[in-house]
Amino acid sequence: IILAGRRLNDNMSMYVANQLIKTMNKKRIQIEDAKVLILGLT
């Protein structure tokens, strides 16, 4: 259970990126050279 939870949490960044790209595609926003702003790094 502990390792399964760790794998899932470690993969959430990839999930977020993929969800963003899917949504941009739906709005017909070009992915190549698209400008993305991330609010927050800490």
Full PDB file with SEQRES, HELIX, SHEET, SSBOND, CRYST1, ORIGX, SCALE, CONECT and MASTER records, all heavy atoms in Angstrom:
SEQRES   1 A   42  ILE ILE LEU ALA GLY ARG ARG LEU ASN ASP ASN MET SER          
SEQRES   2 A   42  MET TYR VAL ALA ASN GLN LEU ILE LYS THR MET ASN LYS          
SEQRES   3 A   42  LYS ARG ILE GLN ILE GLU ASP ALA LYS VAL LEU ILE LEU          
SEQRES   4 A   42  GLY LEU THR                                                  
HELIX    1 AA1 ILE A    2  ASP A   10  1                                   9    
HELIX    2 AA2 MET A   12  LYS A   26  1                                  15    
CRYST1    1.000    1.000    1.000  90.00  90.00  90.00 P 1           1          
ORIGX1      1.000000  0.000000  0.000000        0.00000                         
ORIGX2      0.000000  1.000000  0.000000        0.00000                         
ORIGX3      0.000000  0.000000  1.000000        0.00000                         
SCALE1      1.000000  0.000000  0.000000        0.00000                         
SCALE2      0.000000  1.000000  0.000000        0.00000                         
SCALE3      0.000000  0.000000  1.000000        0.00000                         
ATOM      1  N   ILE A   1       0.824  -1.204   0.000  1.00  0.00           N  
ATOM      2  CA  ILE A   1       0.000   0.000   0.000  1.00  0.00           C  
ATOM      3  C   ILE A   1       0.866   1.265   0.000  1.00  0.00           C  
ATOM      4  O   ILE A   1       0.600   2.214  -0.745  1.00  0.00           O  
ATOM      5  CB  ILE A   1      -0.963  -0.007   1.205  1.00  0.00           C  
ATOM      6  CG1 ILE A   1      -1.995  -1.128   1.036  1.00  0.00           C  
ATOM      7  CG2 ILE A   1      -1.672   1.339   1.344  1.00  0.00           C  
ATOM      8  CD1 ILE A   1      -2.905  -1.311   2.225  1.00  0.00           C  
ATOM      9  N   ILE A   2       1.907   1.273   0.832  1.00  0.00           N  
ATOM     10  CA  ILE A   2       2.747   2.470   0.944  1.00  0.00           C  
ATOM     11  C   ILE A   2       3.425   2.780  -0.388  1.00  0.00           C  
ATOM     12  O   ILE A   2       3.416   3.925  -0.860  1.00  0.00           O  
ATOM     13  CB  ILE A   2       3.802   2.290   2.053  1.00  0.00           C  
ATOM     14  CG1 ILE A   2       3.113   2.074   3.408  1.00  0.00           C  
ATOM     15  CG2 ILE A   2       4.719   3.507   2.126  1.00  0.00           C  
ATOM     16  CD1 ILE A   2       4.062   1.675   4.520  1.00  0.00           C  
ATOM     17  N   LEU A   3       4.000   1.760  -1.032  1.00  0.00           N  
ATOM     18  CA  LEU A   3       4.691   1.978  -2.299  1.00  0.00           C  
ATOM     19  C   LEU A   3       3.726   2.327  -3.427  1.00  0.00           C  
ATOM     20  O   LEU A   3       4.053   3.125  -4.311  1.00  0.00           O  
ATOM     21  CB  LEU A   3       5.528   0.753  -2.669  1.00  0.00           C  
ATOM     22  CG  LEU A   3       6.812   0.569  -1.840  1.00  0.00           C  
ATOM     23  CD1 LEU A   3       7.506  -0.737  -2.198  1.00  0.00           C  
ATOM     24  CD2 LEU A   3       7.765   1.741  -2.070  1.00  0.00           C  
ATOM     25  N   ALA A   4       2.530   1.739  -3.394  1.00  0.00           N  
ATOM     26  CA  ALA A   4       1.519   2.085  -4.407  1.00  0.00           C  
ATOM     27  C   ALA A   4       1.128   3.553  -4.280  1.00  0.00           C  
ATOM     28  O   ALA A   4       0.999   4.272  -5.279  1.00  0.00           O  
ATOM     29  CB  ALA A   4       0.294   1.195  -4.255  1.00  0.00           C  
ATOM     30  N   GLY A   5       0.952   4.018  -3.038  1.00  0.00           N  
ATOM     31  CA  GLY A   5       0.647   5.426  -2.806  1.00  0.00           C  
ATOM     32  C   GLY A   5       1.760   6.337  -3.274  1.00  0.00           C  
ATOM     33  O   GLY A   5       1.527   7.383  -3.884  1.00  0.00           O  
ATOM     34  N   ARG A   6       2.996   5.930  -3.028  1.00  0.00           N  
ATOM     35  CA  ARG A   6       4.143   6.721  -3.455  1.00  0.00           C  
ATOM     36  C   ARG A   6       4.206   6.828  -4.984  1.00  0.00           C  
ATOM     37  O   ARG A   6       4.460   7.882  -5.546  1.00  0.00           O  
ATOM     38  CB  ARG A   6       5.456   6.083  -2.965  1.00  0.00           C  
ATOM     39  CG  ARG A   6       5.918   6.422  -1.608  1.00  0.00           C  
ATOM     40  CD  ARG A   6       6.554   7.767  -1.393  1.00  0.00           C  
ATOM     41  NE  ARG A   6       5.645   8.854  -1.478  1.00  0.00           N  
ATOM     42  CZ  ARG A   6       5.748   9.880  -2.356  1.00  0.00           C  
ATOM     43  NH1 ARG A   6       6.735   9.923  -3.197  1.00  0.00           N  
ATOM     44  NH2 ARG A   6       4.887  10.870  -2.373  1.00  0.00           N  
ATOM     45  N   ARG A   7       3.990   5.696  -5.664  1.00  0.00           N  
ATOM     46  CA  ARG A   7       4.028   5.711  -7.138  1.00  0.00           C  
ATOM     47  C   ARG A   7       2.964   6.643  -7.693  1.00  0.00           C  
ATOM     48  O   ARG A   7       3.219   7.423  -8.621  1.00  0.00           O  
ATOM     49  CB  ARG A   7       3.838   4.291  -7.690  1.00  0.00           C  
ATOM     50  CG  ARG A   7       5.057   3.409  -7.577  1.00  0.00           C  
ATOM     51  CD  ARG A   7       4.917   2.152  -8.406  1.00  0.00           C  
ATOM     52  NE  ARG A   7       3.792   1.329  -7.976  1.00  0.00           N  
ATOM     53  CZ  ARG A   7       3.869   0.399  -7.009  1.00  0.00           C  
ATOM     54  NH1 ARG A   7       5.013   0.175  -6.389  1.00  0.00           N  
ATOM     55  NH2 ARG A   7       2.803  -0.325  -6.694  1.00  0.00           N  
ATOM     56  N   LEU A   8       1.768   6.557  -7.118  1.00  0.00           N  
ATOM     57  CA  LEU A   8       0.673   7.397  -7.608  1.00  0.00           C  
ATOM     58  C   LEU A   8       0.994   8.881  -7.404  1.00  0.00           C  
ATOM     59  O   LEU A   8       0.846   9.691  -8.318  1.00  0.00           O  
ATOM     60  CB  LEU A   8      -0.631   7.020  -6.905  1.00  0.00           C  
ATOM     61  CG  LEU A   8      -1.909   7.524  -7.586  1.00  0.00           C  
ATOM     62  CD1 LEU A   8      -3.030   6.512  -7.405  1.00  0.00           C  
ATOM     63  CD2 LEU A   8      -2.355   8.876  -7.078  1.00  0.00           C  
ATOM     64  N   ASN A   9       1.453   9.230  -6.203  1.00  0.00           N  
ATOM     65  CA  ASN A   9       1.766  10.637  -5.917  1.00  0.00           C  
ATOM     66  C   ASN A   9       2.928  11.152  -6.751  1.00  0.00           C  
ATOM     67  O   ASN A   9       2.928  12.301  -7.192  1.00  0.00           O  
ATOM     68  CB  ASN A   9       2.045  10.821  -4.427  1.00  0.00           C  
ATOM     69  CG  ASN A   9       0.786  10.812  -3.583  1.00  0.00           C  
ATOM     70  OD1 ASN A   9      -0.311  11.037  -4.090  1.00  0.00           O  
ATOM     71  ND2 ASN A   9       0.935  10.559  -2.281  1.00  0.00           N  
ATOM     72  N   ASP A  10       3.928  10.307  -6.970  1.00  0.00           N  
ATOM     73  CA  ASP A  10       5.069  10.717  -7.790  1.00  0.00           C  
ATOM     74  C   ASP A  10       4.683  10.953  -9.244  1.00  0.00           C  
ATOM     75  O   ASP A  10       5.355  11.706  -9.950  1.00  0.00           O  
ATOM     76  CB  ASP A  10       6.189   9.665  -7.719  1.00  0.00           C  
ATOM     77  CG  ASP A  10       7.134   9.905  -6.545  1.00  0.00           C  
ATOM     78  OD1 ASP A  10       7.065  10.987  -5.924  1.00  0.00           O  
ATOM     79  OD2 ASP A  10       7.941   9.001  -6.240  1.00  0.00           O  
ATOM     80  N   ASN A  11       3.612  10.297  -9.692  1.00  0.00           N  
ATOM     81  CA  ASN A  11       3.182  10.429 -11.096  1.00  0.00           C  
ATOM     82  C   ASN A  11       2.167  11.549 -11.326  1.00  0.00           C  
ATOM     83  O   ASN A  11       1.736  11.759 -12.457  1.00  0.00           O  
ATOM     84  CB  ASN A  11       2.589   9.105 -11.588  1.00  0.00           C  
ATOM     85  CG  ASN A  11       3.658   8.044 -11.819  1.00  0.00           C  
ATOM     86  OD1 ASN A  11       4.794   8.365 -12.163  1.00  0.00           O  
ATOM     87  ND2 ASN A  11       3.307   6.780 -11.623  1.00  0.00           N  
ATOM     88  N   MET A  12       1.788  12.260 -10.259  1.00  0.00           N  
ATOM     89  CA  MET A  12       0.764  13.289 -10.412  1.00  0.00           C  
ATOM     90  C   MET A  12       1.224  14.463 -11.280  1.00  0.00           C  
ATOM     91  O   MET A  12       0.412  15.076 -11.979  1.00  0.00           O  
ATOM     92  CB  MET A  12       0.311  13.796  -9.045  1.00  0.00           C  
ATOM     93  CG  MET A  12      -0.601  12.833  -8.300  1.00  0.00           C  
ATOM     94  SD  MET A  12      -2.084  12.356  -9.214  1.00  0.00           S  
ATOM     95  CE  MET A  12      -3.003  13.909  -9.245  1.00  0.00           C  
ATOM     96  N   SER A  13       2.500  14.775 -11.260  1.00  0.00           N  
ATOM     97  CA  SER A  13       3.001  15.867 -12.099  1.00  0.00           C  
ATOM     98  C   SER A  13       2.803  15.532 -13.576  1.00  0.00           C  
ATOM     99  O   SER A  13       2.419  16.399 -14.377  1.00  0.00           O  
ATOM    100  CB  SER A  13       4.486  16.129 -11.808  1.00  0.00           C  
ATOM    101  OG  SER A  13       4.665  16.559 -10.481  1.00  0.00           O  
ATOM    102  N   MET A  14       3.085  14.290 -13.932  1.00  0.00           N  
ATOM    103  CA  MET A  14       2.868  13.847 -15.309  1.00  0.00           C  
ATOM    104  C   MET A  14       1.385  13.906 -15.664  1.00  0.00           C  
ATOM    105  O   MET A  14       1.017  14.317 -16.774  1.00  0.00           O  
ATOM    106  CB  MET A  14       3.390  12.413 -15.487  1.00  0.00           C  
ATOM    107  CG  MET A  14       3.371  11.903 -16.926  1.00  0.00           C  
ATOM    108  SD  MET A  14       3.882  10.165 -17.039  1.00  0.00           S  
ATOM    109  CE  MET A  14       5.532  10.254 -16.344  1.00  0.00           C  
ATOM    110  N   TYR A  15       0.535  13.508 -14.729  1.00  0.00           N  
ATOM    111  CA  TYR A  15      -0.908  13.569 -14.955  1.00  0.00           C  
ATOM    112  C   TYR A  15      -1.359  15.010 -15.206  1.00  0.00           C  
ATOM    113  O   TYR A  15      -2.132  15.275 -16.128  1.00  0.00           O  
ATOM    114  CB  TYR A  15      -1.648  12.981 -13.752  1.00  0.00           C  
ATOM    115  CG  TYR A  15      -3.156  13.128 -13.827  1.00  0.00           C  
ATOM    116  CD1 TYR A  15      -3.914  12.292 -14.631  1.00  0.00           C  
ATOM    117  CD2 TYR A  15      -3.808  14.121 -13.088  1.00  0.00           C  
ATOM    118  CE1 TYR A  15      -5.294  12.437 -14.705  1.00  0.00           C  
ATOM    119  CE2 TYR A  15      -5.180  14.268 -13.151  1.00  0.00           C  
ATOM    120  CZ  TYR A  15      -5.915  13.425 -13.962  1.00  0.00           C  
ATOM    121  OH  TYR A  15      -7.288  13.577 -14.031  1.00  0.00           O  
ATOM    122  N   VAL A  16      -0.867  15.942 -14.393  1.00  0.00           N  
ATOM    123  CA  VAL A  16      -1.223  17.349 -14.539  1.00  0.00           C  
ATOM    124  C   VAL A  16      -0.815  17.867 -15.918  1.00  0.00           C  
ATOM    125  O   VAL A  16      -1.589  18.534 -16.611  1.00  0.00           O  
ATOM    126  CB  VAL A  16      -0.571  18.196 -13.427  1.00  0.00           C  
ATOM    127  CG1 VAL A  16      -0.649  19.690 -13.747  1.00  0.00           C  
ATOM    128  CG2 VAL A  16      -1.247  17.920 -12.089  1.00  0.00           C  
ATOM    129  N   ALA A  17       0.409  17.568 -16.318  1.00  0.00           N  
ATOM    130  CA  ALA A  17       0.904  18.019 -17.620  1.00  0.00           C  
ATOM    131  C   ALA A  17       0.050  17.457 -18.753  1.00  0.00           C  
ATOM    132  O   ALA A  17      -0.317  18.182 -19.690  1.00  0.00           O  
ATOM    133  CB  ALA A  17       2.364  17.605 -17.793  1.00  0.00           C  
ATOM    134  N   ASN A  18      -0.291  16.184 -18.689  1.00  0.00           N  
ATOM    135  CA  ASN A  18      -1.099  15.547 -19.737  1.00  0.00           C  
ATOM    136  C   ASN A  18      -2.508  16.127 -19.795  1.00  0.00           C  
ATOM    137  O   ASN A  18      -3.063  16.332 -20.878  1.00  0.00           O  
ATOM    138  CB  ASN A  18      -1.157  14.040 -19.517  1.00  0.00           C  
ATOM    139  CG  ASN A  18       0.165  13.352 -19.831  1.00  0.00           C  
ATOM    140  OD1 ASN A  18       0.969  13.879 -20.594  1.00  0.00           O  
ATOM    141  ND2 ASN A  18       0.405  12.182 -19.254  1.00  0.00           N  
ATOM    142  N   GLN A  19      -3.082  16.393 -18.619  1.00  0.00           N  
ATOM    143  CA  GLN A  19      -4.424  16.987 -18.585  1.00  0.00           C  
ATOM    144  C   GLN A  19      -4.422  18.377 -19.203  1.00  0.00           C  
ATOM    145  O   GLN A  19      -5.357  18.764 -19.910  1.00  0.00           O  
ATOM    146  CB  GLN A  19      -4.940  17.046 -17.143  1.00  0.00           C  
ATOM    147  CG  GLN A  19      -5.306  15.680 -16.547  1.00  0.00           C  
ATOM    148  CD  GLN A  19      -6.437  15.029 -17.285  1.00  0.00           C  
ATOM    149  OE1 GLN A  19      -6.221  14.090 -18.058  1.00  0.00           O  
ATOM    150  NE2 GLN A  19      -7.644  15.511 -17.092  1.00  0.00           N  
ATOM    151  N   LEU A  20      -3.370  19.138 -18.925  1.00  0.00           N  
ATOM    152  CA  LEU A  20      -3.255  20.477 -19.497  1.00  0.00           C  
ATOM    153  C   LEU A  20      -3.183  20.405 -21.020  1.00  0.00           C  
ATOM    154  O   LEU A  20      -3.884  21.147 -21.719  1.00  0.00           O  
ATOM    155  CB  LEU A  20      -2.017  21.184 -18.949  1.00  0.00           C  
ATOM    156  CG  LEU A  20      -1.774  22.592 -19.529  1.00  0.00           C  
ATOM    157  CD1 LEU A  20      -2.834  23.568 -19.020  1.00  0.00           C  
ATOM    158  CD2 LEU A  20      -0.375  23.097 -19.184  1.00  0.00           C  
ATOM    159  N   ILE A  21      -2.352  19.517 -21.518  1.00  0.00           N  
ATOM    160  CA  ILE A  21      -2.168  19.400 -22.969  1.00  0.00           C  
ATOM    161  C   ILE A  21      -3.471  18.966 -23.643  1.00  0.00           C  
ATOM    162  O   ILE A  21      -3.843  19.488 -24.699  1.00  0.00           O  
ATOM    163  CB  ILE A  21      -1.011  18.429 -23.266  1.00  0.00           C  
ATOM    164  CG1 ILE A  21       0.315  19.094 -22.891  1.00  0.00           C  
ATOM    165  CG2 ILE A  21      -0.995  18.013 -24.739  1.00  0.00           C  
ATOM    166  CD1 ILE A  21       1.479  18.154 -22.795  1.00  0.00           C  
ATOM    167  N   LYS A  22      -4.189  18.022 -23.045  1.00  0.00           N  
ATOM    168  CA  LYS A  22      -5.481  17.583 -23.600  1.00  0.00           C  
ATOM    169  C   LYS A  22      -6.471  18.746 -23.687  1.00  0.00           C  
ATOM    170  O   LYS A  22      -7.172  18.916 -24.684  1.00  0.00           O  
ATOM    171  CB  LYS A  22      -6.076  16.471 -22.728  1.00  0.00           C  
ATOM    172  CG  LYS A  22      -5.401  15.119 -22.889  1.00  0.00           C  
ATOM    173  CD  LYS A  22      -6.062  14.095 -21.974  1.00  0.00           C  
ATOM    174  CE  LYS A  22      -5.386  12.732 -22.063  1.00  0.00           C  
ATOM    175  NZ  LYS A  22      -6.011  11.760 -21.111  1.00  0.00           N  
ATOM    176  N   THR A  23      -6.513  19.544 -22.620  1.00  0.00           N  
ATOM    177  CA  THR A  23      -7.448  20.673 -22.586  1.00  0.00           C  
ATOM    178  C   THR A  23      -7.060  21.734 -23.609  1.00  0.00           C  
ATOM    179  O   THR A  23      -7.926  22.329 -24.259  1.00  0.00           O  
ATOM    180  CB  THR A  23      -7.499  21.276 -21.166  1.00  0.00           C  
ATOM    181  OG1 THR A  23      -7.793  20.237 -20.221  1.00  0.00           O  
ATOM    182  CG2 THR A  23      -8.577  22.344 -21.075  1.00  0.00           C  
ATOM    183  N   MET A  24      -5.759  21.981 -23.756  1.00  0.00           N  
ATOM    184  CA  MET A  24      -5.302  22.935 -24.771  1.00  0.00           C  
ATOM    185  C   MET A  24      -5.659  22.453 -26.174  1.00  0.00           C  
ATOM    186  O   MET A  24      -6.065  23.239 -27.036  1.00  0.00           O  
ATOM    187  CB  MET A  24      -3.786  23.147 -24.644  1.00  0.00           C  
ATOM    188  CG  MET A  24      -3.375  23.899 -23.389  1.00  0.00           C  
ATOM    189  SD  MET A  24      -1.574  23.981 -23.152  1.00  0.00           S  
ATOM    190  CE  MET A  24      -1.114  25.105 -24.501  1.00  0.00           C  
ATOM    191  N   ASN A  25      -5.522  21.165 -26.409  1.00  0.00           N  
ATOM    192  CA  ASN A  25      -5.897  20.604 -27.717  1.00  0.00           C  
ATOM    193  C   ASN A  25      -7.380  20.811 -28.005  1.00  0.00           C  
ATOM    194  O   ASN A  25      -7.770  21.148 -29.120  1.00  0.00           O  
ATOM    195  CB  ASN A  25      -5.566  19.109 -27.759  1.00  0.00           C  
ATOM    196  CG  ASN A  25      -4.159  18.836 -28.268  1.00  0.00           C  
ATOM    197  OD1 ASN A  25      -3.650  19.577 -29.109  1.00  0.00           O  
ATOM    198  ND2 ASN A  25      -3.536  17.754 -27.791  1.00  0.00           N  
ATOM    199  N   LYS A  26      -8.199  20.589 -26.974  1.00  0.00           N  
ATOM    200  CA  LYS A  26      -9.645  20.767 -27.139  1.00  0.00           C  
ATOM    201  C   LYS A  26      -9.992  22.206 -27.496  1.00  0.00           C  
ATOM    202  O   LYS A  26     -10.963  22.463 -28.218  1.00  0.00           O  
ATOM    203  CB  LYS A  26     -10.378  20.349 -25.857  1.00  0.00           C  
ATOM    204  CG  LYS A  26     -10.403  18.839 -25.614  1.00  0.00           C  
ATOM    205  CD  LYS A  26     -11.073  18.520 -24.290  1.00  0.00           C  
ATOM    206  CE  LYS A  26     -11.052  17.021 -24.010  1.00  0.00           C  
ATOM    207  NZ  LYS A  26     -11.626  16.697 -22.667  1.00  0.00           N  
ATOM    208  N   LYS A  27      -9.199  23.168 -26.991  1.00  0.00           N  
ATOM    209  CA  LYS A  27      -9.422  24.579 -27.282  1.00  0.00           C  
ATOM    210  C   LYS A  27      -8.641  25.041 -28.517  1.00  0.00           C  
ATOM    211  O   LYS A  27      -8.552  26.228 -28.797  1.00  0.00           O  
ATOM    212  CB  LYS A  27      -9.062  25.441 -26.066  1.00  0.00           C  
ATOM    213  CG  LYS A  27      -9.923  25.165 -24.838  1.00  0.00           C  
ATOM    214  CD  LYS A  27      -9.725  26.183 -23.724  1.00  0.00           C  
ATOM    215  CE  LYS A  27     -10.418  27.493 -24.019  1.00  0.00           C  
ATOM    216  NZ  LYS A  27     -10.482  28.405 -22.843  1.00  0.00           N  
ATOM    217  N   ARG A  28      -8.051  24.049 -29.223  1.00  0.00           N  
ATOM    218  CA  ARG A  28      -7.304  24.305 -30.465  1.00  0.00           C  
ATOM    219  C   ARG A  28      -6.148  25.286 -30.259  1.00  0.00           C  
ATOM    220  O   ARG A  28      -5.878  26.156 -31.092  1.00  0.00           O  
ATOM    221  CB  ARG A  28      -8.253  24.803 -31.571  1.00  0.00           C  
ATOM    222  CG  ARG A  28      -9.357  23.801 -31.911  1.00  0.00           C  
ATOM    223  CD  ARG A  28     -10.164  24.223 -33.107  1.00  0.00           C  
ATOM    224  NE  ARG A  28     -11.232  23.295 -33.412  1.00  0.00           N  
ATOM    225  CZ  ARG A  28     -11.090  22.132 -34.067  1.00  0.00           C  
ATOM    226  NH1 ARG A  28      -9.904  21.797 -34.497  1.00  0.00           N  
ATOM    227  NH2 ARG A  28     -12.136  21.341 -34.298  1.00  0.00           N  
ATOM    228  N   ILE A  29      -5.485  25.138 -29.142  1.00  0.00           N  
ATOM    229  CA  ILE A  29      -4.285  25.927 -28.854  1.00  0.00           C  
ATOM    230  C   ILE A  29      -3.065  25.092 -29.241  1.00  0.00           C  
ATOM    231  O   ILE A  29      -2.924  23.948 -28.805  1.00  0.00           O  
ATOM    232  CB  ILE A  29      -4.208  26.308 -27.361  1.00  0.00           C  
ATOM    233  CG1 ILE A  29      -5.418  27.177 -26.978  1.00  0.00           C  
ATOM    234  CG2 ILE A  29      -2.906  27.048 -27.057  1.00  0.00           C  
ATOM    235  CD1 ILE A  29      -5.531  27.428 -25.481  1.00  0.00           C  
ATOM    236  N   GLN A  30      -2.200  25.647 -30.047  1.00  0.00           N  
ATOM    237  CA  GLN A  30      -1.032  24.916 -30.513  1.00  0.00           C  
ATOM    238  C   GLN A  30      -0.105  24.594 -29.338  1.00  0.00           C  
ATOM    239  O   GLN A  30       0.235  25.463 -28.531  1.00  0.00           O  
ATOM    240  CB  GLN A  30      -0.276  25.733 -31.570  1.00  0.00           C  
ATOM    241  CG  GLN A  30       0.954  24.993 -32.136  1.00  0.00           C  
ATOM    242  CD  GLN A  30       1.616  25.746 -33.247  1.00  0.00           C  
ATOM    243  OE1 GLN A  30       0.931  26.231 -34.152  1.00  0.00           O  
ATOM    244  NE2 GLN A  30       2.933  25.857 -33.233  1.00  0.00           N  
ATOM    245  N   ILE A  31       0.308  23.324 -29.251  1.00  0.00           N  
ATOM    246  CA  ILE A  31       1.152  22.875 -28.154  1.00  0.00           C  
ATOM    247  C   ILE A  31       2.606  23.293 -28.379  1.00  0.00           C  
ATOM    248  O   ILE A  31       3.268  23.815 -27.473  1.00  0.00           O  
ATOM    249  CB  ILE A  31       1.056  21.342 -27.976  1.00  0.00           C  
ATOM    250  CG1 ILE A  31      -0.404  20.912 -27.775  1.00  0.00           C  
ATOM    251  CG2 ILE A  31       1.926  20.889 -26.818  1.00  0.00           C  
ATOM    252  CD1 ILE A  31      -1.085  21.555 -26.590  1.00  0.00           C  
ATOM    253  N   GLU A  32       3.120  23.059 -29.568  1.00  0.00           N  
ATOM    254  CA  GLU A  32       4.503  23.408 -29.903  1.00  0.00           C  
ATOM    255  C   GLU A  32       4.733  24.913 -29.697  1.00  0.00           C  
ATOM    256  O   GLU A  32       3.997  25.746 -30.218  1.00  0.00           O  
ATOM    257  CB  GLU A  32       4.804  23.034 -31.355  1.00  0.00           C  
ATOM    258  CG  GLU A  32       6.249  23.225 -31.780  1.00  0.00           C  
ATOM    259  CD  GLU A  32       7.112  22.022 -31.524  1.00  0.00           C  
ATOM    260  OE1 GLU A  32       6.551  20.951 -31.226  1.00  0.00           O  
ATOM    261  OE2 GLU A  32       8.328  22.124 -31.642  1.00  0.00           O  
ATOM    262  N   ASP A  33       5.742  25.252 -28.894  1.00  0.00           N  
ATOM    263  CA  ASP A  33       6.120  26.640 -28.593  1.00  0.00           C  
ATOM    264  C   ASP A  33       5.054  27.419 -27.816  1.00  0.00           C  
ATOM    265  O   ASP A  33       5.128  28.652 -27.723  1.00  0.00           O  
ATOM    266  CB  ASP A  33       6.475  27.411 -29.876  1.00  0.00           C  
ATOM    267  CG  ASP A  33       7.749  26.890 -30.522  1.00  0.00           C  
ATOM    268  OD1 ASP A  33       8.680  26.491 -29.788  1.00  0.00           O  
ATOM    269  OD2 ASP A  33       7.804  26.867 -31.766  1.00  0.00           O  
ATOM    270  N   ALA A  34       4.062  26.718 -27.276  1.00  0.00           N  
ATOM    271  CA  ALA A  34       3.070  27.393 -26.434  1.00  0.00           C  
ATOM    272  C   ALA A  34       3.743  27.959 -25.189  1.00  0.00           C  
ATOM    273  O   ALA A  34       4.690  27.393 -24.663  1.00  0.00           O  
ATOM    274  CB  ALA A  34       1.968  26.417 -26.031  1.00  0.00           C  
ATOM    275  N   LYS A  35       3.243  29.095 -24.743  1.00  0.00           N  
ATOM    276  CA  LYS A  35       3.800  29.750 -23.555  1.00  0.00           C  
ATOM    277  C   LYS A  35       2.921  29.439 -22.348  1.00  0.00           C  
ATOM    278  O   LYS A  35       1.728  29.735 -22.335  1.00  0.00           O  
ATOM    279  CB  LYS A  35       3.911  31.258 -23.788  1.00  0.00           C  
ATOM    280  CG  LYS A  35       4.956  31.646 -24.841  1.00  0.00           C  
ATOM    281  CD  LYS A  35       5.025  33.141 -25.031  1.00  0.00           C  
ATOM    282  CE  LYS A  35       6.174  33.526 -25.965  1.00  0.00           C  
ATOM    283  NZ  LYS A  35       6.029  32.901 -27.296  1.00  0.00           N  
ATOM    284  N   VAL A  36       3.545  28.834 -21.338  1.00  0.00           N  
ATOM    285  CA  VAL A  36       2.830  28.418 -20.128  1.00  0.00           C  
ATOM    286  C   VAL A  36       3.389  29.178 -18.925  1.00  0.00           C  
ATOM    287  O   VAL A  36       4.603  29.277 -18.752  1.00  0.00           O  
ATOM    288  CB  VAL A  36       2.970  26.895 -19.892  1.00  0.00           C  
ATOM    289  CG1 VAL A  36       2.221  26.488 -18.623  1.00  0.00           C  
ATOM    290  CG2 VAL A  36       2.459  26.116 -21.094  1.00  0.00           C  
ATOM    291  N   LEU A  37       2.489  29.685 -18.099  1.00  0.00           N  
ATOM    292  CA  LEU A  37       2.877  30.338 -16.847  1.00  0.00           C  
ATOM    293  C   LEU A  37       2.471  29.434 -15.693  1.00  0.00           C  
ATOM    294  O   LEU A  37       1.317  29.034 -15.588  1.00  0.00           O  
ATOM    295  CB  LEU A  37       2.193  31.696 -16.702  1.00  0.00           C  
ATOM    296  CG  LEU A  37       2.382  32.399 -15.346  1.00  0.00           C  
ATOM    297  CD1 LEU A  37       3.841  32.789 -15.117  1.00  0.00           C  
ATOM    298  CD2 LEU A  37       1.472  33.626 -15.241  1.00  0.00           C  
ATOM    299  N   ILE A  38       3.425  29.140 -14.830  1.00  0.00           N  
ATOM    300  CA  ILE A  38       3.131  28.404 -13.599  1.00  0.00           C  
ATOM    301  C   ILE A  38       3.217  29.372 -12.428  1.00  0.00           C  
ATOM    302  O   ILE A  38       4.251  30.000 -12.198  1.00  0.00           O  
ATOM    303  CB  ILE A  38       4.108  27.228 -13.393  1.00  0.00           C  
ATOM    304  CG1 ILE A  38       3.981  26.230 -14.546  1.00  0.00           C  
ATOM    305  CG2 ILE A  38       3.826  26.532 -12.066  1.00  0.00           C  
ATOM    306  CD1 ILE A  38       4.930  25.041 -14.448  1.00  0.00           C  
ATOM    307  N   LEU A  39       2.114  29.511 -11.715  1.00  0.00           N  
ATOM    308  CA  LEU A  39       2.067  30.383 -10.541  1.00  0.00           C  
ATOM    309  C   LEU A  39       2.400  29.558  -9.302  1.00  0.00           C  
ATOM    310  O   LEU A  39       1.581  28.801  -8.795  1.00  0.00           O  
ATOM    311  CB  LEU A  39       0.682  31.021 -10.411  1.00  0.00           C  
ATOM    312  CG  LEU A  39       0.289  32.015 -11.516  1.00  0.00           C  
ATOM    313  CD1 LEU A  39      -1.153  32.477 -11.348  1.00  0.00           C  
ATOM    314  CD2 LEU A  39       1.223  33.221 -11.528  1.00  0.00           C  
ATOM    315  N   GLY A  40       3.640  29.703  -8.846  1.00  0.00           N  
ATOM    316  CA  GLY A  40       4.090  28.987  -7.654  1.00  0.00           C  
ATOM    317  C   GLY A  40       5.112  27.915  -7.961  1.00  0.00           C  
ATOM    318  O   GLY A  40       4.951  27.143  -8.913  1.00  0.00           O  
ATOM    319  N   LEU A  41       6.169  27.876  -7.147  1.00  0.00           N  
ATOM    320  CA  LEU A  41       7.204  26.850  -7.266  1.00  0.00           C  
ATOM    321  C   LEU A  41       7.439  26.123  -5.949  1.00  0.00           C  
ATOM    322  O   LEU A  41       7.796  24.946  -5.951  1.00  0.00           O  
ATOM    323  CB  LEU A  41       8.523  27.476  -7.731  1.00  0.00           C  
ATOM    324  CG  LEU A  41       9.725  26.529  -7.817  1.00  0.00           C  
ATOM    325  CD1 LEU A  41       9.527  25.506  -8.946  1.00  0.00           C  
ATOM    326  CD2 LEU A  41      11.023  27.284  -8.011  1.00  0.00           C  
ATOM    327  N   THR A  42       7.250  26.779  -4.824  1.00  0.00           N  
ATOM    328  CA  THR A  42       7.520  26.166  -3.528  1.00  0.00           C  
ATOM    329  C   THR A  42       6.630  24.944  -3.317  1.00  0.00           C  
ATOM    330  O   THR A  42       5.586  24.814  -3.951  1.00  0.00           O  
ATOM    331  CB  THR A  42       7.297  27.173  -2.387  1.00  0.00           C  
ATOM    332  OG1 THR A  42       5.935  27.596  -2.395  1.00  0.00           O  
ATOM    333  CG2 THR A  42       8.224  28.387  -2.558  1.00  0.00           C  
TER     334      THR A  42                                                      
MASTER        0    0    0    2    0    0    0    6  333    1    0    4          
END                                                                             
